[in-house]
Amino acid sequence: MGIISDKTERKALLEIAKALRFFQSLEFLCISAGDSVRIAHAEHIIRDVIANNGYGVRFTGKRGTRINKINIR
């Protein structure tokens, strides 16, 4: 899997964020109710991992997937 550390590297978070783009293409496909729930749960877990490390995800057509540091006050 990887080296365990106290904080997840930004590069690892970016690679994880790239997977989120593929969840959007599933909206127009026929998926059973049970699978739909599991897929939504997986997407939520991935977004939580990124958010818990202080980043947000943004998709752009020209630049692809980007993660931005979120300033929490």
N, C-alpha and C. Protein backbone atom coordinates (compact mmCIF):
# COMPACT_ATOMS: atom_id res chain seq x y z
N MET A 1 0.83 -1.18 0.00
CA MET A 1 0.00 0.00 0.00
C MET A 1 0.87 1.24 0.00
N GLY A 2 1.54 1.55 1.08
CA GLY A 2 2.36 2.74 1.16
C GLY A 2 3.00 2.83 2.52
N ILE A 3 3.77 3.86 2.73
CA ILE A 3 4.43 4.08 4.00
C ILE A 3 3.45 4.82 4.91
N ILE A 4 3.28 4.32 6.11
CA ILE A 4 2.36 4.93 7.06
C ILE A 4 3.05 6.12 7.73
N SER A 5 2.35 7.26 7.78
CA SER A 5 2.90 8.46 8.42
C SER A 5 1.79 9.19 9.15
N ASP A 6 2.15 10.25 9.84
CA ASP A 6 1.17 11.04 10.58
C ASP A 6 0.30 11.89 9.66
N LYS A 7 0.84 12.31 8.53
CA LYS A 7 0.12 13.18 7.61
C LYS A 7 0.25 12.64 6.19
N THR A 8 -0.86 12.66 5.45
CA THR A 8 -0.87 12.18 4.08
C THR A 8 -0.24 13.23 3.17
N GLU A 9 0.65 12.81 2.28
CA GLU A 9 1.32 13.73 1.37
C GLU A 9 0.34 14.33 0.37
N ARG A 10 0.61 15.56 -0.04
CA ARG A 10 -0.24 16.25 -1.01
C ARG A 10 -0.32 15.47 -2.32
N LYS A 11 0.79 14.89 -2.75
CA LYS A 11 0.80 14.14 -4.00
C LYS A 11 -0.12 12.92 -3.92
N ALA A 12 -0.15 12.26 -2.78
CA ALA A 12 -1.05 11.12 -2.59
C ALA A 12 -2.51 11.57 -2.63
N LEU A 13 -2.79 12.71 -2.01
CA LEU A 13 -4.16 13.24 -2.02
C LEU A 13 -4.59 13.61 -3.43
N LEU A 14 -3.68 14.13 -4.24
CA LEU A 14 -4.01 14.48 -5.62
C LEU A 14 -4.35 13.22 -6.42
N GLU A 15 -3.58 12.17 -6.24
CA GLU A 15 -3.87 10.91 -6.96
C GLU A 15 -5.22 10.34 -6.54
N ILE A 16 -5.54 10.44 -5.25
CA ILE A 16 -6.84 9.98 -4.76
C ILE A 16 -7.96 10.84 -5.35
N ALA A 17 -7.74 12.15 -5.42
CA ALA A 17 -8.74 13.08 -5.95
C ALA A 17 -9.03 12.81 -7.42
N LYS A 18 -8.04 12.34 -8.17
CA LYS A 18 -8.25 12.05 -9.59
C LYS A 18 -9.30 10.95 -9.80
N ALA A 19 -9.45 10.08 -8.84
CA ALA A 19 -10.46 9.01 -8.93
C ALA A 19 -11.88 9.56 -8.86
N LEU A 20 -12.07 10.72 -8.21
CA LEU A 20 -13.41 11.28 -8.06
C LEU A 20 -14.04 11.64 -9.40
N ARG A 21 -13.23 12.01 -10.37
CA ARG A 21 -13.75 12.39 -11.68
C ARG A 21 -14.55 11.25 -12.32
N PHE A 22 -14.15 10.01 -12.06
CA PHE A 22 -14.81 8.86 -12.66
C PHE A 22 -16.18 8.58 -12.04
N PHE A 23 -16.40 9.06 -10.84
CA PHE A 23 -17.71 8.87 -10.21
C PHE A 23 -18.78 9.68 -10.95
N GLN A 24 -18.42 10.82 -11.52
CA GLN A 24 -19.38 11.65 -12.23
C GLN A 24 -19.91 10.96 -13.49
N SER A 25 -19.09 10.16 -14.15
CA SER A 25 -19.52 9.50 -15.37
C SER A 25 -20.50 8.36 -15.10
N LEU A 26 -20.66 7.96 -13.86
CA LEU A 26 -21.58 6.88 -13.51
C LEU A 26 -23.03 7.35 -13.41
N GLU A 27 -23.25 8.66 -13.40
CA GLU A 27 -24.60 9.19 -13.22
C GLU A 27 -25.56 8.77 -14.32
N PHE A 28 -25.05 8.54 -15.51
CA PHE A 28 -25.91 8.25 -16.66
C PHE A 28 -25.98 6.77 -16.99
N LEU A 29 -25.44 5.92 -16.15
CA LEU A 29 -25.45 4.48 -16.38
C LEU A 29 -26.47 3.83 -15.46
N CYS A 30 -26.98 2.68 -15.87
CA CYS A 30 -27.93 1.93 -15.05
C CYS A 30 -27.16 1.16 -13.98
N ILE A 31 -27.47 1.46 -12.73
CA ILE A 31 -26.80 0.83 -11.59
C ILE A 31 -27.88 0.41 -10.59
N SER A 32 -27.71 -0.77 -10.01
CA SER A 32 -28.70 -1.24 -9.04
C SER A 32 -28.68 -0.33 -7.82
N ALA A 33 -29.76 -0.36 -7.06
CA ALA A 33 -29.89 0.51 -5.89
C ALA A 33 -28.80 0.22 -4.86
N GLY A 34 -28.54 -1.06 -4.62
CA GLY A 34 -27.51 -1.43 -3.65
C GLY A 34 -26.13 -0.96 -4.07
N ASP A 35 -25.81 -1.14 -5.35
CA ASP A 35 -24.51 -0.69 -5.84
C ASP A 35 -24.40 0.83 -5.81
N SER A 36 -25.50 1.50 -6.09
CA SER A 36 -25.51 2.96 -6.07
C SER A 36 -25.17 3.49 -4.67
N VAL A 37 -25.72 2.85 -3.65
CA VAL A 37 -25.45 3.24 -2.27
C VAL A 37 -23.98 3.03 -1.95
N ARG A 38 -23.43 1.88 -2.36
CA ARG A 38 -22.02 1.60 -2.08
C ARG A 38 -21.10 2.57 -2.81
N ILE A 39 -21.43 2.91 -4.05
CA ILE A 39 -20.63 3.84 -4.83
C ILE A 39 -20.66 5.23 -4.19
N ALA A 40 -21.85 5.67 -3.76
CA ALA A 40 -21.97 6.97 -3.10
C ALA A 40 -21.17 6.98 -1.80
N HIS A 41 -21.20 5.87 -1.09
CA HIS A 41 -20.44 5.77 0.17
C HIS A 41 -18.94 5.85 -0.10
N ALA A 42 -18.47 5.17 -1.13
CA ALA A 42 -17.05 5.20 -1.50
C ALA A 42 -16.62 6.62 -1.88
N GLU A 43 -17.45 7.30 -2.65
CA GLU A 43 -17.15 8.68 -3.04
C GLU A 43 -17.07 9.59 -1.81
N HIS A 44 -17.99 9.39 -0.89
CA HIS A 44 -18.02 10.19 0.34
C HIS A 44 -16.75 9.94 1.18
N ILE A 45 -16.32 8.70 1.26
CA ILE A 45 -15.10 8.37 2.02
C ILE A 45 -13.89 9.05 1.40
N ILE A 46 -13.78 9.01 0.07
CA ILE A 46 -12.66 9.64 -0.62
C ILE A 46 -12.65 11.15 -0.38
N ARG A 47 -13.83 11.78 -0.49
CA ARG A 47 -13.91 13.21 -0.24
C ARG A 47 -13.56 13.55 1.21
N ASP A 48 -13.96 12.70 2.16
CA ASP A 48 -13.62 12.93 3.57
C ASP A 48 -12.12 12.83 3.82
N VAL A 49 -11.46 11.87 3.18
CA VAL A 49 -10.01 11.74 3.34
C VAL A 49 -9.32 13.02 2.89
N ILE A 50 -9.74 13.55 1.76
CA ILE A 50 -9.14 14.78 1.22
C ILE A 50 -9.46 15.97 2.12
N ALA A 51 -10.71 16.09 2.54
CA ALA A 51 -11.13 17.21 3.39
C ALA A 51 -10.47 17.16 4.77
N ASN A 52 -10.32 15.97 5.33
CA ASN A 52 -9.69 15.85 6.66
C ASN A 52 -8.22 16.25 6.65
N ASN A 53 -7.62 16.29 5.47
CA ASN A 53 -6.24 16.74 5.34
C ASN A 53 -6.17 18.21 4.95
N GLY A 54 -7.33 18.88 4.92
CA GLY A 54 -7.36 20.33 4.71
C GLY A 54 -7.40 20.76 3.25
N TYR A 55 -7.86 19.90 2.35
CA TYR A 55 -7.90 20.24 0.93
C TYR A 55 -9.31 20.11 0.38
N GLY A 56 -9.57 20.82 -0.72
CA GLY A 56 -10.81 20.70 -1.47
C GLY A 56 -10.45 20.30 -2.90
N VAL A 57 -11.40 19.71 -3.61
CA VAL A 57 -11.15 19.22 -4.97
C VAL A 57 -11.89 20.10 -5.96
N ARG A 58 -11.23 20.39 -7.09
CA ARG A 58 -11.84 21.17 -8.17
C ARG A 58 -11.46 20.51 -9.50
N PHE A 59 -12.43 20.39 -10.38
CA PHE A 59 -12.20 19.82 -11.71
C PHE A 59 -12.32 20.92 -12.75
N THR A 60 -11.36 21.00 -13.66
CA THR A 60 -11.43 21.95 -14.76
C THR A 60 -11.12 21.20 -16.05
N GLY A 61 -11.70 21.65 -17.13
CA GLY A 61 -11.49 20.99 -18.41
C GLY A 61 -10.08 21.12 -18.93
N LYS A 62 -9.47 22.27 -18.74
CA LYS A 62 -8.14 22.50 -19.28
C LYS A 62 -7.03 21.98 -18.38
N ARG A 63 -7.20 22.14 -17.07
CA ARG A 63 -6.12 21.78 -16.14
C ARG A 63 -6.32 20.45 -15.44
N GLY A 64 -7.47 19.84 -15.58
CA GLY A 64 -7.72 18.55 -14.95
C GLY A 64 -8.11 18.70 -13.48
N THR A 65 -7.75 17.72 -12.69
CA THR A 65 -8.10 17.68 -11.28
C THR A 65 -7.07 18.48 -10.48
N ARG A 66 -7.58 19.35 -9.60
CA ARG A 66 -6.70 20.16 -8.76
C ARG A 66 -7.20 20.08 -7.32
N ILE A 67 -6.27 20.13 -6.39
CA ILE A 67 -6.67 20.22 -4.98
C ILE A 67 -6.14 21.55 -4.43
N ASN A 68 -6.98 22.18 -3.61
CA ASN A 68 -6.62 23.48 -3.04
C ASN A 68 -6.66 23.38 -1.52
N LYS A 69 -5.70 24.02 -0.88
CA LYS A 69 -5.67 24.08 0.58
C LYS A 69 -6.83 24.94 1.05
N ILE A 70 -7.60 24.44 2.02
CA ILE A 70 -8.74 25.16 2.56
C ILE A 70 -8.32 25.82 3.85
N ASN A 71 -8.56 27.12 3.94
CA ASN A 71 -8.23 27.86 5.17
C ASN A 71 -9.39 27.75 6.13
N ILE A 72 -9.17 27.05 7.23
CA ILE A 72 -10.19 26.89 8.26
C ILE A 72 -9.87 27.85 9.40
N ARG A 73 -10.84 28.69 9.72
CA ARG A 73 -10.62 29.70 10.77
C ARG A 73 -11.19 29.26 12.06
